[in-house]
Amino acid sequence: MVLAIFVISIIRGVVGVLTKGFADFVAPRQASSAKRDKIPLSGELKKDPVCGTYTSAATAVTKTIGKETLYFCSSDCRDKYVAGS
C-alpha cells in the first residue's frame, strides 16, 4: 500500500513537470500577442464632445485644435466634430 502511494506520487510529479514544460513551450506565443493587443484597464477618462461617452485617454482617437486636444470614442465621432466645426 505504501509502495503504491509512493509510485503514484512519483508519477504525478513527473506528469506535473511535463505539463508545466508544455505550458511554458506554448505560452510565450500567446503572451506575445496578448501584450501587443493589451488595452490599458486604468487611466484618465475623457468625455467625447460629440456623443458624450467616456473613453480612456490612452486608447481614444484624438484631434488637436490649436493648443487643445480633444478625445473621441471613435473616428466617426471625430469626423462628425470636424465636419460640424
N, C-alpha and C. Protein backbone atom coordinates (compact mmCIF):
# COMPACT_ATOMS: atom_id res chain seq x y z
N MET A 1 0.82 -1.18 0.00
CA MET A 1 0.00 0.00 0.00
C MET A 1 0.88 1.26 0.00
N VAL A 2 1.88 1.29 0.86
CA VAL A 2 2.79 2.44 0.93
C VAL A 2 3.55 2.57 -0.38
N LEU A 3 3.94 1.43 -0.96
CA LEU A 3 4.65 1.46 -2.24
C LEU A 3 3.76 2.03 -3.34
N ALA A 4 2.48 1.70 -3.35
CA ALA A 4 1.55 2.22 -4.35
C ALA A 4 1.42 3.74 -4.22
N ILE A 5 1.31 4.23 -3.00
CA ILE A 5 1.21 5.67 -2.77
C ILE A 5 2.48 6.37 -3.23
N PHE A 6 3.63 5.79 -2.97
CA PHE A 6 4.91 6.35 -3.39
C PHE A 6 5.00 6.41 -4.92
N VAL A 7 4.63 5.35 -5.59
CA VAL A 7 4.69 5.29 -7.06
C VAL A 7 3.72 6.31 -7.67
N ILE A 8 2.51 6.39 -7.12
CA ILE A 8 1.54 7.36 -7.63
C ILE A 8 2.05 8.78 -7.45
N SER A 9 2.68 9.07 -6.33
CA SER A 9 3.24 10.41 -6.09
C SER A 9 4.33 10.74 -7.10
N ILE A 10 5.19 9.77 -7.39
CA ILE A 10 6.26 9.98 -8.38
C ILE A 10 5.66 10.24 -9.76
N ILE A 11 4.66 9.44 -10.15
CA ILE A 11 4.02 9.60 -11.46
C ILE A 11 3.36 10.97 -11.56
N ARG A 12 2.67 11.40 -10.51
CA ARG A 12 2.02 12.72 -10.52
C ARG A 12 3.06 13.83 -10.64
N GLY A 13 4.18 13.68 -9.98
CA GLY A 13 5.23 14.69 -10.07
C GLY A 13 5.80 14.80 -11.47
N VAL A 14 6.05 13.64 -12.10
CA VAL A 14 6.58 13.63 -13.46
C VAL A 14 5.57 14.24 -14.43
N VAL A 15 4.31 13.87 -14.30
CA VAL A 15 3.27 14.42 -15.18
C VAL A 15 3.16 15.94 -14.97
N GLY A 16 3.25 16.39 -13.72
CA GLY A 16 3.20 17.82 -13.45
C GLY A 16 4.34 18.58 -14.10
N VAL A 17 5.54 18.03 -14.03
CA VAL A 17 6.70 18.68 -14.65
C VAL A 17 6.54 18.72 -16.16
N LEU A 18 6.08 17.62 -16.76
CA LEU A 18 5.88 17.60 -18.21
C LEU A 18 4.79 18.57 -18.64
N THR A 19 3.72 18.66 -17.88
CA THR A 19 2.65 19.58 -18.19
C THR A 19 3.13 21.02 -18.10
N LYS A 20 3.89 21.34 -17.08
CA LYS A 20 4.44 22.69 -16.92
C LYS A 20 5.37 23.03 -18.08
N GLY A 21 6.20 22.08 -18.46
CA GLY A 21 7.11 22.31 -19.59
C GLY A 21 6.36 22.56 -20.87
N PHE A 22 5.29 21.81 -21.10
CA PHE A 22 4.48 22.01 -22.30
C PHE A 22 3.79 23.37 -22.27
N ALA A 23 3.28 23.75 -21.10
CA ALA A 23 2.61 25.04 -20.97
C ALA A 23 3.59 26.18 -21.21
N ASP A 24 4.80 26.07 -20.73
CA ASP A 24 5.81 27.11 -20.96
C ASP A 24 6.23 27.16 -22.42
N PHE A 25 6.17 26.03 -23.09
CA PHE A 25 6.51 25.98 -24.51
C PHE A 25 5.44 26.68 -25.34
N VAL A 26 4.18 26.51 -24.98
CA VAL A 26 3.06 27.07 -25.73
C VAL A 26 2.78 28.52 -25.32
N ALA A 27 2.92 28.86 -24.06
CA ALA A 27 2.51 30.15 -23.52
C ALA A 27 3.21 31.36 -24.14
N PRO A 28 4.51 31.33 -24.45
CA PRO A 28 5.13 32.55 -24.97
C PRO A 28 4.48 33.06 -26.25
N ARG A 29 4.00 32.19 -27.09
CA ARG A 29 3.33 32.64 -28.31
C ARG A 29 2.05 33.38 -27.97
N GLN A 30 1.30 32.87 -27.02
CA GLN A 30 0.06 33.51 -26.63
C GLN A 30 0.34 34.81 -25.89
N ALA A 31 1.33 34.83 -25.06
CA ALA A 31 1.64 36.02 -24.26
C ALA A 31 2.10 37.17 -25.14
N SER A 32 2.88 36.90 -26.19
CA SER A 32 3.36 37.99 -27.03
C SER A 32 2.22 38.66 -27.77
N SER A 33 1.24 37.90 -28.25
CA SER A 33 0.12 38.52 -28.92
C SER A 33 -0.78 39.24 -27.92
N ALA A 34 -0.88 38.73 -26.70
CA ALA A 34 -1.69 39.38 -25.67
C ALA A 34 -1.07 40.72 -25.28
N LYS A 35 0.24 40.79 -25.18
CA LYS A 35 0.91 42.04 -24.83
C LYS A 35 0.73 43.07 -25.93
N ARG A 36 0.76 42.63 -27.17
CA ARG A 36 0.65 43.54 -28.30
C ARG A 36 -0.76 44.14 -28.38
N ASP A 37 -1.78 43.35 -28.04
CA ASP A 37 -3.16 43.79 -28.13
C ASP A 37 -3.73 44.28 -26.81
N LYS A 38 -2.88 44.45 -25.83
CA LYS A 38 -3.35 44.80 -24.49
C LYS A 38 -3.88 46.23 -24.45
N ILE A 39 -5.05 46.38 -23.87
CA ILE A 39 -5.67 47.68 -23.70
C ILE A 39 -5.56 48.05 -22.23
N PRO A 40 -5.10 49.24 -21.92
CA PRO A 40 -4.97 49.62 -20.51
C PRO A 40 -6.31 49.56 -19.79
N LEU A 41 -6.30 49.05 -18.57
CA LEU A 41 -7.52 48.94 -17.79
C LEU A 41 -7.70 50.09 -16.82
N SER A 42 -6.76 50.97 -16.77
CA SER A 42 -6.88 52.12 -15.88
C SER A 42 -6.35 53.35 -16.60
N GLY A 43 -6.55 54.47 -16.00
CA GLY A 43 -6.06 55.70 -16.59
C GLY A 43 -7.14 56.76 -16.61
N GLU A 44 -6.81 57.88 -17.16
CA GLU A 44 -7.72 59.01 -17.18
C GLU A 44 -8.80 58.81 -18.24
N LEU A 45 -10.03 59.15 -17.88
CA LEU A 45 -11.15 59.08 -18.82
C LEU A 45 -11.45 60.47 -19.35
N LYS A 46 -11.73 60.53 -20.62
CA LYS A 46 -12.08 61.80 -21.27
C LYS A 46 -13.46 61.67 -21.89
N LYS A 47 -14.22 62.77 -21.89
CA LYS A 47 -15.57 62.76 -22.45
C LYS A 47 -15.54 63.14 -23.92
N ASP A 48 -16.17 62.32 -24.73
CA ASP A 48 -16.29 62.58 -26.16
C ASP A 48 -17.24 63.76 -26.34
N PRO A 49 -16.82 64.85 -27.02
CA PRO A 49 -17.68 66.03 -27.16
C PRO A 49 -18.86 65.81 -28.11
N VAL A 50 -18.85 64.76 -28.90
CA VAL A 50 -19.94 64.51 -29.84
C VAL A 50 -21.03 63.66 -29.21
N CYS A 51 -20.68 62.47 -28.74
CA CYS A 51 -21.71 61.55 -28.23
C CYS A 51 -21.78 61.52 -26.71
N GLY A 52 -20.80 62.09 -26.02
CA GLY A 52 -20.85 62.18 -24.58
C GLY A 52 -20.36 60.96 -23.82
N THR A 53 -19.87 59.95 -24.51
CA THR A 53 -19.36 58.78 -23.79
C THR A 53 -17.97 59.07 -23.26
N TYR A 54 -17.59 58.34 -22.22
CA TYR A 54 -16.26 58.48 -21.64
C TYR A 54 -15.37 57.39 -22.21
N THR A 55 -14.16 57.78 -22.58
CA THR A 55 -13.22 56.84 -23.16
C THR A 55 -11.85 57.04 -22.52
N SER A 56 -11.05 55.99 -22.53
CA SER A 56 -9.71 56.05 -21.96
C SER A 56 -8.84 56.99 -22.80
N ALA A 57 -8.12 57.87 -22.14
CA ALA A 57 -7.24 58.79 -22.85
C ALA A 57 -6.16 58.03 -23.61
N ALA A 58 -5.78 56.85 -23.12
CA ALA A 58 -4.72 56.07 -23.77
C ALA A 58 -5.17 55.45 -25.08
N THR A 59 -6.47 55.16 -25.23
CA THR A 59 -6.94 54.48 -26.43
C THR A 59 -7.84 55.35 -27.30
N ALA A 60 -8.10 56.58 -26.89
CA ALA A 60 -9.02 57.44 -27.61
C ALA A 60 -8.43 57.93 -28.93
N VAL A 61 -9.32 58.27 -29.84
CA VAL A 61 -8.94 58.92 -31.09
C VAL A 61 -8.85 60.41 -30.75
N THR A 62 -7.73 61.02 -31.08
CA THR A 62 -7.53 62.42 -30.68
C THR A 62 -7.51 63.36 -31.87
N LYS A 63 -7.80 64.60 -31.58
CA LYS A 63 -7.73 65.68 -32.57
C LYS A 63 -7.25 66.92 -31.83
N THR A 64 -6.15 67.50 -32.29
CA THR A 64 -5.61 68.69 -31.66
C THR A 64 -6.04 69.91 -32.48
N ILE A 65 -6.70 70.83 -31.79
CA ILE A 65 -7.14 72.07 -32.42
C ILE A 65 -6.52 73.20 -31.61
N GLY A 66 -5.60 73.91 -32.23
CA GLY A 66 -4.85 74.94 -31.51
C GLY A 66 -3.98 74.28 -30.46
N LYS A 67 -4.19 74.65 -29.20
CA LYS A 67 -3.44 74.04 -28.11
C LYS A 67 -4.27 73.02 -27.35
N GLU A 68 -5.52 72.82 -27.77
CA GLU A 68 -6.43 71.91 -27.07
C GLU A 68 -6.49 70.55 -27.78
N THR A 69 -6.37 69.49 -27.00
CA THR A 69 -6.51 68.14 -27.54
C THR A 69 -7.88 67.61 -27.15
N LEU A 70 -8.63 67.17 -28.14
CA LEU A 70 -9.95 66.60 -27.91
C LEU A 70 -9.86 65.08 -28.05
N TYR A 71 -10.64 64.37 -27.26
CA TYR A 71 -10.63 62.92 -27.23
C TYR A 71 -11.98 62.39 -27.69
N PHE A 72 -11.94 61.45 -28.64
CA PHE A 72 -13.16 60.88 -29.21
C PHE A 72 -13.17 59.38 -29.04
N CYS A 73 -14.38 58.81 -28.93
CA CYS A 73 -14.50 57.37 -28.76
C CYS A 73 -14.24 56.62 -30.07
N SER A 74 -14.43 57.29 -31.20
CA SER A 74 -14.22 56.63 -32.50
C SER A 74 -13.85 57.69 -33.54
N SER A 75 -13.39 57.19 -34.67
CA SER A 75 -13.05 58.11 -35.76
C SER A 75 -14.32 58.72 -36.35
N ASP A 76 -15.46 58.02 -36.26
CA ASP A 76 -16.72 58.58 -36.75
C ASP A 76 -17.10 59.83 -35.96
N CYS A 77 -16.98 59.76 -34.62
CA CYS A 77 -17.29 60.93 -33.79
C CYS A 77 -16.32 62.07 -34.09
N ARG A 78 -15.05 61.74 -34.29
CA ARG A 78 -14.07 62.79 -34.63
C ARG A 78 -14.45 63.45 -35.95
N ASP A 79 -14.82 62.65 -36.95
CA ASP A 79 -15.17 63.20 -38.25
C ASP A 79 -16.44 64.06 -38.17
N LYS A 80 -17.41 63.66 -37.36
CA LYS A 80 -18.63 64.46 -37.17
C LYS A 80 -18.28 65.80 -36.54
N TYR A 81 -17.38 65.79 -35.56
CA TYR A 81 -16.96 67.02 -34.88
C TYR A 81 -16.26 67.95 -35.88
N VAL A 82 -15.35 67.40 -36.67
CA VAL A 82 -14.60 68.21 -37.63
C VAL A 82 -15.54 68.78 -38.70
N ALA A 83 -16.50 67.98 -39.14
CA ALA A 83 -17.44 68.43 -40.16
C ALA A 83 -18.36 69.53 -39.62
N GLY A 84 -18.69 69.47 -38.33
CA GLY A 84 -19.58 70.47 -37.73
C GLY A 84 -18.88 71.74 -37.31
N SER A 85 -17.56 71.73 -37.32
CA SER A 85 -16.81 72.93 -36.88
C SER A 85 -16.73 73.97 -37.94
